[in-house]
């Protein structure tokens, strides 16, 4: 078996290479969303808006683990692929080792901080209500404090294994975790634990499924020949390697971080309108995540192809990869938007019992607003991923913080005063449109500045 998929990167037809790299990643991302929805579905069966809201307000804290793994995983993957494209294989070992140990260090620090400031953290996330806070504390303690490291490492390893072109294997580990979570949720929530402990059951199921995912990657690493190395050494701290990994990965980290801060602000502002609105919004966000997961999977899957060919100076192949993958992402996002618009209430009612009619009605309205930004965010995300793949940290950084943080958070406060709860939600699609315009301007300017790429 080859150490990396050289022929796939260099010679395979571009569309075929995109599909081979991206389809498994997209499927893995969809399964992640489905298991997030499964959590919501099973918790919704309890008929408790407080439990549903507890899981919702903890989502940003849990997803911050993805921000950490993206910092080292996306950054490490980009550096590894560019090193392979320019045949600097010693750099592959340095980058992978730094990414692995850096991820461990930062995750342990975050989990420890979450434990020490647990109550204040939950209040900041929007879990101040007494009936919500206790459930949120249980969920956060198990998924972030105890299970944080295995979750972050399993995502990191999927990035690094994918960087060698082994997209199927990278996605299989994620899929195993997602499928197990779906199976373990009802077992722990309704069979093994007592009534009233459903939140603990959902959290334990999530933690154990991520442990199994990490175990898969560990077995894969020791049973296959690979260019990757996780052996700690002084060379992994070489300044050029550290700077390149962090500089490239930081936009991916910040995009996830600000996305979660944005969700926390959204939940906090929505808390003023009652638990029913918070529960409805939580469901709407998770349904809307499906389109974003497909786009994210496409971008992550195609990143190694873009990075490799950029370093190898195969600019026509690189440009075709970003154009084809971007077009597919936007088309899928448009389809998801239409489905969410047409079937918003039936989709929301899957996750909330009929007795909570206010949560269903509000959730459907929120979903119709949120989904309007899907095609625009798909376009922006494809361009951000291109800049990450080519090591253009400042461009991807500016777009990442613009999409979540610079634009949407101030608009939430502004629109809250103008249109109440619906105004808060409207800030998200408006920010997606503005970020898309900015991304296109930067992308066109980049091509004009690099005539060898524009003419390819």
Protein backbone atom coordinates (compact mmCIF):
# COMPACT_ATOMS: atom_id res chain seq x y z
CA UNK A 1 0.00 0.00 0.00
CA UNK A 2 1.43 3.45 -0.92
CA UNK A 3 2.42 5.85 1.82
CA UNK A 4 0.22 8.46 0.19
CA UNK A 5 -2.09 8.50 -2.83
CA UNK A 6 0.37 10.07 -5.29
CA UNK A 7 -1.54 9.05 -8.43
CA UNK A 8 -4.82 10.38 -7.01
CA UNK A 9 -3.24 13.78 -6.36
CA UNK A 10 -1.32 14.03 -9.64
CA UNK A 11 -3.04 12.10 -12.43
CA UNK A 12 -6.61 11.08 -11.62
CA UNK A 13 -9.32 13.15 -13.42
CA UNK A 14 -10.12 16.14 -11.24
CA UNK A 15 -13.82 15.39 -10.75
CA UNK A 16 -13.05 11.75 -9.95
CA UNK A 17 -10.37 12.82 -7.45
CA UNK A 18 -12.78 15.29 -5.81
CA UNK A 19 -15.47 12.64 -5.45
CA UNK A 20 -13.05 10.04 -4.10
CA UNK A 21 -11.67 12.47 -1.53
CA UNK A 22 -14.84 14.38 -0.68
CA UNK A 23 -17.68 11.85 -0.77
CA UNK A 24 -16.45 9.83 2.25
CA UNK A 25 -15.80 13.09 4.12
CA UNK A 26 -19.28 14.41 3.29
CA UNK A 27 -20.85 11.14 4.42
CA UNK A 28 -18.86 11.31 7.66
CA UNK A 29 -20.01 14.88 8.27
CA UNK A 30 -23.64 13.96 7.54
CA UNK A 31 -23.45 11.12 10.06
CA UNK A 32 -22.04 13.58 12.62
CA UNK A 33 -25.06 15.82 12.06
CA UNK A 34 -27.42 12.84 12.20
CA UNK A 35 -26.01 11.75 15.55
CA UNK A 36 -26.36 15.35 16.80
CA UNK A 37 -29.95 15.21 15.59
CA UNK A 38 -30.35 11.81 17.25
CA UNK A 39 -29.33 13.36 20.58
CA UNK A 40 -31.93 16.06 20.01
CA UNK A 41 -34.55 13.52 18.92
CA UNK A 42 -34.10 11.23 21.92
CA UNK A 43 -33.92 14.11 24.40
CA UNK A 44 -37.04 15.54 22.75
CA UNK A 45 -38.86 12.29 23.53
CA UNK A 46 -38.69 13.22 27.21
CA UNK A 47 -41.05 16.12 26.50
CA UNK A 48 -38.80 18.42 28.53
CA UNK A 49 -37.89 21.78 26.99
CA UNK A 50 -35.40 22.24 29.87
CA UNK A 51 -33.42 19.13 28.88
CA UNK A 52 -33.58 20.06 25.19
CA UNK A 53 -32.32 23.55 26.00
CA UNK A 54 -29.54 22.16 28.22
CA UNK A 55 -28.14 20.14 25.32
CA UNK A 56 -28.49 23.17 23.04
CA UNK A 57 -26.61 25.60 25.28
CA UNK A 58 -23.78 23.06 25.72
CA UNK A 59 -23.33 22.64 21.97
CA UNK A 60 -20.91 25.60 21.59
CA UNK A 61 -18.74 24.30 24.44
CA UNK A 62 -18.65 20.82 22.92
CA UNK A 63 -18.03 22.15 19.40
CA UNK A 64 -15.09 24.23 20.66
CA UNK A 65 -13.27 20.90 20.76
CA UNK A 66 -13.66 20.93 16.96
CA UNK A 67 -12.10 24.40 16.90
CA UNK A 68 -9.03 22.99 18.66
CA UNK A 69 -8.78 19.96 16.38
CA UNK A 70 -9.27 22.22 13.33
CA UNK A 71 -6.45 24.49 14.50
CA UNK A 72 -3.99 21.61 14.40
CA UNK A 73 -5.81 19.32 11.95
CA UNK A 74 -6.57 21.73 9.10
CA UNK A 75 -3.27 23.54 9.62
CA UNK A 76 -1.32 20.30 9.82
CA UNK A 77 -3.12 18.81 6.83
CA UNK A 78 -2.37 21.84 4.64
CA UNK A 79 1.32 21.82 5.60
CA UNK A 80 1.59 18.05 5.09
CA UNK A 81 -0.01 18.15 1.63
CA UNK A 82 2.12 21.07 0.46
CA UNK A 83 5.22 19.28 1.80
CA UNK A 84 4.29 16.14 -0.17
CA UNK A 85 3.63 18.22 -3.28
CA UNK A 86 7.13 19.69 -3.07
CA UNK A 87 8.68 16.35 -1.92
CA UNK A 88 9.78 17.67 1.51
CA UNK A 89 8.89 14.49 3.39
CA UNK A 90 10.80 15.29 6.60
CA UNK A 91 8.49 18.29 6.99
CA UNK A 92 5.52 15.89 6.97
CA UNK A 93 6.82 14.15 10.09
CA UNK A 94 7.54 17.42 11.90
CA UNK A 95 4.12 18.90 11.09
CA UNK A 96 2.16 15.78 12.07
CA UNK A 97 4.03 15.40 15.39
CA UNK A 98 3.54 19.07 16.28
CA UNK A 99 -0.17 18.88 15.39
CA UNK A 100 -0.70 15.78 17.53
CA UNK A 101 1.01 17.00 20.70
CA UNK A 102 -0.22 20.57 20.29
CA UNK A 103 -3.81 19.31 20.10
CA UNK A 104 -3.35 17.27 23.29
CA UNK A 105 -1.88 20.20 25.23
CA UNK A 106 -4.52 22.75 24.25
CA UNK A 107 -7.43 20.33 24.73
CA UNK A 108 -6.29 19.34 28.24
CA UNK A 109 -6.00 23.02 29.15
CA UNK A 110 -9.50 23.76 27.80
CA UNK A 111 -11.12 20.78 29.55
CA UNK A 112 -9.46 21.76 32.83
CA UNK A 113 -10.66 25.37 32.47
CA UNK A 114 -14.20 24.16 31.70
CA UNK A 115 -14.16 22.07 34.88
CA UNK A 116 -12.85 24.86 37.11
CA UNK A 117 -15.32 27.46 35.78
CA UNK A 118 -18.18 25.11 34.96
CA UNK A 119 -21.11 27.04 36.48
CA UNK A 120 -20.01 30.44 35.19
CA UNK A 121 -19.33 28.91 31.76
CA UNK A 122 -22.83 27.42 31.57
CA UNK A 123 -24.43 30.71 32.62
CA UNK A 124 -22.47 32.52 29.90
CA UNK A 125 -23.63 29.96 27.33
CA UNK A 126 -27.27 30.75 28.13
CA UNK A 127 -28.03 28.14 30.80
CA UNK A 128 -28.86 30.51 33.65
CA UNK A 129 -32.41 29.21 34.15
CA UNK A 130 -32.49 26.98 37.25
CA UNK A 131 -34.37 24.17 35.48
CA UNK A 132 -31.74 24.14 32.67
CA UNK A 133 -28.48 24.71 34.57
CA UNK A 134 -28.26 21.36 36.37
CA UNK A 135 -28.84 19.33 33.21
CA UNK A 136 -26.32 21.43 31.30
CA UNK A 137 -23.73 20.88 34.02
CA UNK A 138 -24.11 17.10 33.74
CA UNK A 139 -23.77 17.18 29.94
CA UNK A 140 -20.78 19.53 29.93
CA UNK A 141 -18.88 17.60 32.61
CA UNK A 142 -19.10 14.29 30.74
CA UNK A 143 -18.64 15.45 27.13
CA UNK A 144 -16.09 18.26 27.57
CA UNK A 145 -14.30 17.77 30.91
CA UNK A 146 -14.02 13.96 30.87
CA UNK A 147 -14.40 13.13 27.18
CA UNK A 148 -12.89 16.24 25.58
CA UNK A 149 -9.47 14.80 24.75
CA UNK A 150 -10.73 11.70 22.92
CA UNK A 151 -13.19 13.83 20.91
CA UNK A 152 -10.53 16.33 19.81
CA UNK A 153 -7.95 13.65 18.98
CA UNK A 154 -10.33 11.55 16.89
CA UNK A 155 -11.17 14.60 14.75
CA UNK A 156 -7.50 15.60 14.49
CA UNK A 157 -6.44 12.13 13.31
CA UNK A 158 -9.15 12.09 10.66
CA UNK A 159 -7.67 15.33 9.24
CA UNK A 160 -4.12 14.00 9.25
CA UNK A 161 -4.97 10.62 7.71
CA UNK A 162 -7.02 12.38 5.02
CA UNK A 163 -4.02 14.54 4.14
CA UNK A 164 -2.32 11.46 2.64
CA UNK A 165 -5.33 10.86 0.39
CA UNK A 166 -6.87 8.15 2.59
CA UNK A 167 -10.23 9.87 2.79
CA UNK A 168 -12.28 6.68 3.14
CA UNK A 169 -10.31 5.49 6.16
CA UNK A 170 -10.37 8.96 7.74
CA UNK A 171 -14.13 9.21 7.33
CA UNK A 172 -14.75 5.62 8.42
CA UNK A 173 -13.42 6.38 11.90
CA UNK A 174 -15.78 9.36 12.21
CA UNK A 175 -18.69 7.29 10.87
CA UNK A 176 -18.06 4.53 13.41
CA UNK A 177 -18.32 7.07 16.20
CA UNK A 178 -21.48 8.61 14.80
CA UNK A 179 -23.28 5.33 14.20
CA UNK A 180 -22.33 4.04 17.65
CA UNK A 181 -23.65 7.21 19.23
CA UNK A 182 -27.00 6.77 17.53
CA UNK A 183 -27.17 3.18 18.81
CA UNK A 184 -25.96 3.96 22.33
CA UNK A 185 -28.23 6.98 22.92
CA UNK A 186 -31.47 5.07 23.56
CA UNK A 187 -29.59 2.30 25.40
CA UNK A 188 -28.14 4.64 28.00
CA UNK A 189 -31.02 7.13 28.08
CA UNK A 190 -33.96 4.76 28.42
CA UNK A 191 -32.61 1.31 29.40
CA UNK A 192 -29.44 1.43 31.50
CA UNK A 193 -30.03 4.64 33.47
CA UNK A 194 -32.98 5.67 35.62
CA UNK A 195 -35.77 7.99 34.36
CA UNK A 196 -34.66 11.59 34.76
CA UNK A 197 -31.05 10.81 33.82
CA UNK A 198 -31.55 11.11 30.05
CA UNK A 199 -29.02 13.96 29.73
CA UNK A 200 -26.36 11.87 31.47
CA UNK A 201 -27.20 8.96 29.17
CA UNK A 202 -26.85 11.10 26.03
CA UNK A 203 -23.51 12.49 27.26
CA UNK A 204 -22.08 9.07 28.13
CA UNK A 205 -23.15 7.71 24.73
CA UNK A 206 -21.34 10.58 23.00
CA UNK A 207 -18.17 10.10 25.02
CA UNK A 208 -18.00 6.32 24.50
CA UNK A 209 -18.66 6.58 20.76
CA UNK A 210 -15.78 9.06 20.41
CA UNK A 211 -13.54 6.68 22.37
CA UNK A 212 -14.31 3.97 19.80
CA UNK A 213 -13.59 6.39 16.97
CA UNK A 214 -10.19 7.23 18.45
CA UNK A 215 -9.43 3.53 18.98
CA UNK A 216 -10.09 2.91 15.26
CA UNK A 217 -7.57 5.59 14.26
CA UNK A 218 -4.93 4.29 16.67
CA UNK A 219 -5.28 0.75 15.24
CA UNK A 220 -5.18 2.15 11.69
CA UNK A 221 -1.99 4.10 12.37
CA UNK A 222 -0.10 1.11 13.78
CA UNK A 223 -1.27 -1.29 11.07
CA UNK A 224 -0.50 0.84 7.99
CA UNK A 225 2.58 2.38 6.41
CA UNK A 226 2.36 6.13 6.63
CA UNK A 227 4.46 9.27 6.29
CA UNK A 228 2.91 10.63 9.49
CA UNK A 229 4.83 10.60 12.75
CA UNK A 230 3.60 11.27 16.28
CA UNK A 231 6.99 10.81 17.92
CA UNK A 232 7.77 13.93 20.00
CA UNK A 233 11.06 15.61 19.12
CA UNK A 234 12.77 18.99 19.20
CA UNK A 235 12.49 19.24 15.41
CA UNK A 236 8.68 19.37 15.58
CA UNK A 237 9.07 22.75 17.31
CA UNK A 238 11.00 24.20 14.37
CA UNK A 239 9.68 27.75 14.01
CA UNK A 240 8.75 27.47 10.31
CA UNK A 241 6.67 24.36 11.00
CA UNK A 242 4.94 25.83 14.06
CA UNK A 243 4.24 29.11 12.26
CA UNK A 244 2.87 27.40 9.15
CA UNK A 245 0.64 24.93 11.02
CA UNK A 246 -0.81 27.56 13.37
CA UNK A 247 -0.99 30.28 10.73
CA UNK A 248 -2.92 28.04 8.36
CA UNK A 249 -5.05 26.35 11.01
CA UNK A 250 -5.95 29.48 12.97
CA UNK A 251 -8.66 30.63 10.52
CA UNK A 252 -10.30 27.18 10.70
CA UNK A 253 -10.11 27.32 14.48
CA UNK A 254 -11.46 30.86 14.68
CA UNK A 255 -14.26 30.08 12.25
CA UNK A 256 -15.44 27.28 14.55
CA UNK A 257 -14.71 29.31 17.68
CA UNK A 258 -16.60 32.39 16.55
CA UNK A 259 -19.39 30.20 15.24
CA UNK A 260 -19.81 28.80 18.73
CA UNK A 261 -19.48 32.21 20.38
CA UNK A 262 -22.12 33.39 17.94
CA UNK A 263 -24.39 30.49 18.93
CA UNK A 264 -23.80 31.27 22.61
CA UNK A 265 -24.77 34.94 22.07
CA UNK A 266 -27.78 33.79 20.07
CA UNK A 267 -28.89 31.46 22.89
CA UNK A 268 -28.30 34.16 25.50
CA UNK A 269 -30.39 36.73 23.64
CA UNK A 270 -33.07 34.15 22.87
CA UNK A 271 -33.32 33.23 26.57
CA UNK A 272 -35.24 36.48 27.10
CA UNK A 273 -38.07 35.06 24.99
CA UNK A 274 -38.50 31.83 26.98
CA UNK A 275 -37.39 28.21 26.99
CA UNK A 276 -39.84 27.29 24.20
CA UNK A 277 -38.08 29.70 21.83
CA UNK A 278 -34.66 28.44 22.94
CA UNK A 279 -35.70 24.82 22.34
CA UNK A 280 -37.17 25.66 18.93
CA UNK A 281 -34.03 27.55 17.93
CA UNK A 282 -31.80 24.67 19.06
CA UNK A 283 -33.68 22.24 16.82
CA UNK A 284 -33.69 24.69 13.88
CA UNK A 285 -29.92 25.13 14.15
CA UNK A 286 -29.29 21.40 14.13
CA UNK A 287 -31.51 20.82 11.09
CA UNK A 288 -29.81 23.69 9.28
CA UNK A 289 -26.44 22.12 10.11
CA UNK A 290 -27.03 19.45 7.46
CA UNK A 291 -26.29 21.81 4.56
CA UNK A 292 -23.26 23.20 6.37
CA UNK A 293 -21.97 19.69 7.11
CA UNK A 294 -22.06 18.79 3.41
CA UNK A 295 -20.20 21.98 2.51
CA UNK A 296 -17.69 21.41 5.31
CA UNK A 297 -17.15 17.82 4.18
CA UNK A 298 -16.60 18.91 0.58
CA UNK A 299 -14.08 21.58 1.65
CA UNK A 300 -12.19 19.27 4.01
CA UNK A 301 -12.15 16.48 1.44
CA UNK A 302 -10.80 18.57 -1.41
CA UNK A 303 -8.26 20.53 0.69
CA UNK A 304 -5.44 17.94 0.25
CA UNK A 305 -5.93 17.97 -3.54
CA UNK A 306 -5.74 21.78 -3.70
CA UNK A 307 -2.73 21.97 -1.34
CA UNK A 308 -0.76 19.27 -3.16
CA UNK A 309 -1.26 20.73 -6.63
CA UNK A 310 -0.59 24.28 -5.46
CA UNK A 311 2.79 23.19 -4.07
CA UNK A 312 3.49 21.13 -7.19
CA UNK A 313 2.58 24.18 -9.35
CA UNK A 314 -0.15 22.24 -11.19
CA UNK A 315 -2.30 25.35 -11.25
CA UNK A 316 -4.90 24.29 -13.82
CA UNK A 317 -5.63 21.14 -11.83
CA UNK A 318 -5.78 23.14 -8.61
CA UNK A 319 -8.12 25.75 -10.09
CA UNK A 320 -10.45 23.09 -11.50
CA UNK A 321 -10.57 21.42 -8.08
CA UNK A 322 -11.76 24.59 -6.32
CA UNK A 323 -14.24 25.52 -9.07
CA UNK A 324 -15.83 22.06 -9.32
CA UNK A 325 -16.02 21.50 -5.57
CA UNK A 326 -17.39 25.02 -4.99
CA UNK A 327 -20.11 24.56 -7.61
CA UNK A 328 -21.16 21.24 -6.08
CA UNK A 329 -21.28 22.78 -2.59
CA UNK A 330 -23.46 25.71 -3.68
CA UNK A 331 -25.84 23.44 -5.61
CA UNK A 332 -26.32 21.11 -2.63
CA UNK A 333 -26.79 24.08 -0.28
CA UNK A 334 -29.49 25.49 -2.57
CA UNK A 335 -31.30 22.15 -2.51
CA UNK A 336 -31.14 22.01 1.30
CA UNK A 337 -32.44 25.57 1.51
CA UNK A 338 -35.49 24.72 -0.61
CA UNK A 339 -36.24 21.60 1.45
CA UNK A 340 -35.97 23.53 4.73
CA UNK A 341 -38.24 26.28 3.42
CA UNK A 342 -40.92 23.91 2.18
CA UNK A 343 -40.86 21.34 4.99
CA UNK A 344 -39.78 23.47 7.97
CA UNK A 345 -42.61 22.54 10.35
CA UNK A 346 -42.61 18.77 9.64
CA UNK A 347 -38.82 18.72 10.06
CA UNK A 348 -38.93 20.53 13.41
CA UNK A 349 -41.82 18.39 14.67
CA UNK A 350 -39.66 15.26 14.26
CA UNK A 351 -37.58 16.42 17.24
CA UNK A 352 -40.18 18.04 19.50
CA UNK A 353 -43.24 16.27 20.89
CA UNK A 354 -46.65 17.59 19.82
CA UNK A 355 -47.46 18.93 23.28
CA UNK A 356 -44.79 21.61 22.86
CA UNK A 357 -46.60 23.32 19.97
CA UNK A 358 -44.98 26.73 20.68
CA UNK A 359 -41.50 25.23 20.33
CA UNK A 360 -42.49 23.61 17.02
CA UNK A 361 -44.04 26.78 15.58
CA UNK A 362 -41.14 29.01 16.59
CA UNK A 363 -38.56 26.45 15.50
CA UNK A 364 -40.11 26.27 12.01
CA UNK A 365 -40.00 30.07 11.68
CA UNK A 366 -36.38 30.16 12.81
CA UNK A 367 -35.44 27.40 10.36
CA UNK A 368 -36.97 29.30 7.42
CA UNK A 369 -34.84 32.31 8.32
CA UNK A 370 -31.58 30.45 8.97
CA UNK A 371 -31.65 28.38 5.78
CA UNK A 372 -31.65 31.48 3.55
CA UNK A 373 -27.93 31.89 4.13
CA UNK A 374 -26.97 28.33 3.10
CA UNK A 375 -25.87 28.89 -0.54
CA UNK A 376 -23.97 32.06 0.38
CA UNK A 377 -22.11 30.42 3.25
CA UNK A 378 -21.30 27.47 0.94
CA UNK A 379 -19.59 29.80 -1.53
CA UNK A 380 -17.72 31.65 1.24
CA UNK A 381 -16.64 28.42 2.92
CA UNK A 382 -15.21 27.04 -0.36
CA UNK A 383 -13.08 30.17 -0.81
CA UNK A 384 -11.96 30.18 2.83
CA UNK A 385 -10.91 26.54 2.41
CA UNK A 386 -8.97 27.46 -0.75
CA UNK A 387 -6.96 30.08 1.14
CA UNK A 388 -6.34 27.58 3.95
CA UNK A 389 -5.15 24.96 1.46
CA UNK A 390 -2.71 27.36 -0.18
CA UNK A 391 -1.36 28.70 3.11
CA UNK A 392 -2.80 32.22 2.70
CA UNK A 393 -3.50 32.63 6.39
CA UNK A 394 -4.41 36.32 6.52
CA UNK A 395 -7.04 36.06 3.78
CA UNK A 396 -8.74 33.04 5.31
CA UNK A 397 -8.39 34.65 8.76
CA UNK A 398 -10.16 37.86 7.71
CA UNK A 399 -13.01 35.95 6.07
CA UNK A 400 -13.35 33.54 9.00
CA UNK A 401 -13.79 36.25 11.63
CA UNK A 402 -15.98 38.30 9.28
CA UNK A 403 -18.44 35.45 8.77
CA UNK A 404 -18.84 34.75 12.48
CA UNK A 405 -18.07 37.48 14.95
CA UNK A 406 -17.45 40.76 13.14
CA UNK A 407 -20.76 40.84 11.26
CA UNK A 408 -23.36 38.62 12.87
CA UNK A 409 -22.89 39.31 16.61
CA UNK A 410 -23.28 43.13 16.37
CA UNK A 411 -26.25 42.63 14.04
CA UNK A 412 -27.91 40.31 16.58
CA UNK A 413 -28.00 43.11 19.12
CA UNK A 414 -29.11 45.65 16.53
CA UNK A 415 -31.86 43.50 15.03
CA UNK A 416 -33.00 42.32 18.46
CA UNK A 417 -34.21 45.86 19.08
CA UNK A 418 -35.86 46.09 15.67
CA UNK A 419 -37.52 42.68 15.20
CA UNK A 420 -37.18 40.87 18.57
CA UNK A 421 -36.49 37.11 18.41
CA UNK A 422 -36.77 36.90 14.61
CA UNK A 423 -34.35 39.79 14.22
CA UNK A 424 -31.73 37.95 16.28
CA UNK A 425 -31.95 34.96 13.92
CA UNK A 426 -31.95 37.15 10.77
CA UNK A 427 -28.42 38.29 11.58
CA UNK A 428 -27.01 34.90 10.50
CA UNK A 429 -28.16 34.83 6.83
CA UNK A 430 -27.38 38.55 6.41
CA UNK A 431 -23.81 37.93 7.60
CA UNK A 432 -23.53 34.94 5.24
CA UNK A 433 -24.48 37.11 2.24
CA UNK A 434 -22.00 39.88 3.13
CA UNK A 435 -19.19 37.39 3.78
CA UNK A 436 -19.86 35.68 0.45
CA UNK A 437 -19.48 38.99 -1.39
CA UNK A 438 -16.21 39.74 0.44
CA UNK A 439 -14.88 36.21 -0.28
CA UNK A 440 -15.57 36.53 -4.01
CA UNK A 441 -13.82 39.90 -4.13
CA UNK A 442 -10.73 38.48 -2.37
CA UNK A 443 -10.69 35.37 -4.58
CA UNK A 444 -10.89 37.37 -7.83
CA UNK A 445 -8.20 39.77 -6.57
CA UNK A 446 -5.97 36.79 -5.68
CA UNK A 447 -6.29 35.35 -9.19
CA UNK A 448 -5.44 38.73 -10.77
CA UNK A 449 -2.34 39.03 -8.57
CA UNK A 450 -1.18 35.55 -9.61
CA UNK A 451 -1.32 35.60 -13.38
CA UNK A 452 0.17 32.10 -13.63
CA UNK A 453 -2.89 30.75 -11.81
CA UNK A 454 -5.44 32.95 -13.59
CA UNK A 455 -4.13 31.87 -17.02
CA UNK A 456 -3.87 28.18 -16.10
